[in-house]
């Protein structure tokens, strides 16, 4: 998790610390934080699914209990 994500995730909601105070304490420019927060999602963030969704629940059983 990057610094901006850390500030956005819990500092304001869980600890009632304003973004400006957290930015100053972490050495992050507040305008940089606002730019990060208001950015459009990347192509990777918008593509559906996750590689982990394609994996079987127990890969060991898929190979009939044979390891190695």
Foldseek 3Di string as FASTA:
>chain_A
DDLLCVLPPDCCPPVVDDSVVSCVVVVHDVVVSVCVVPDDDDPVVPDDDDVVVVDDPDVCVVVVNDDD
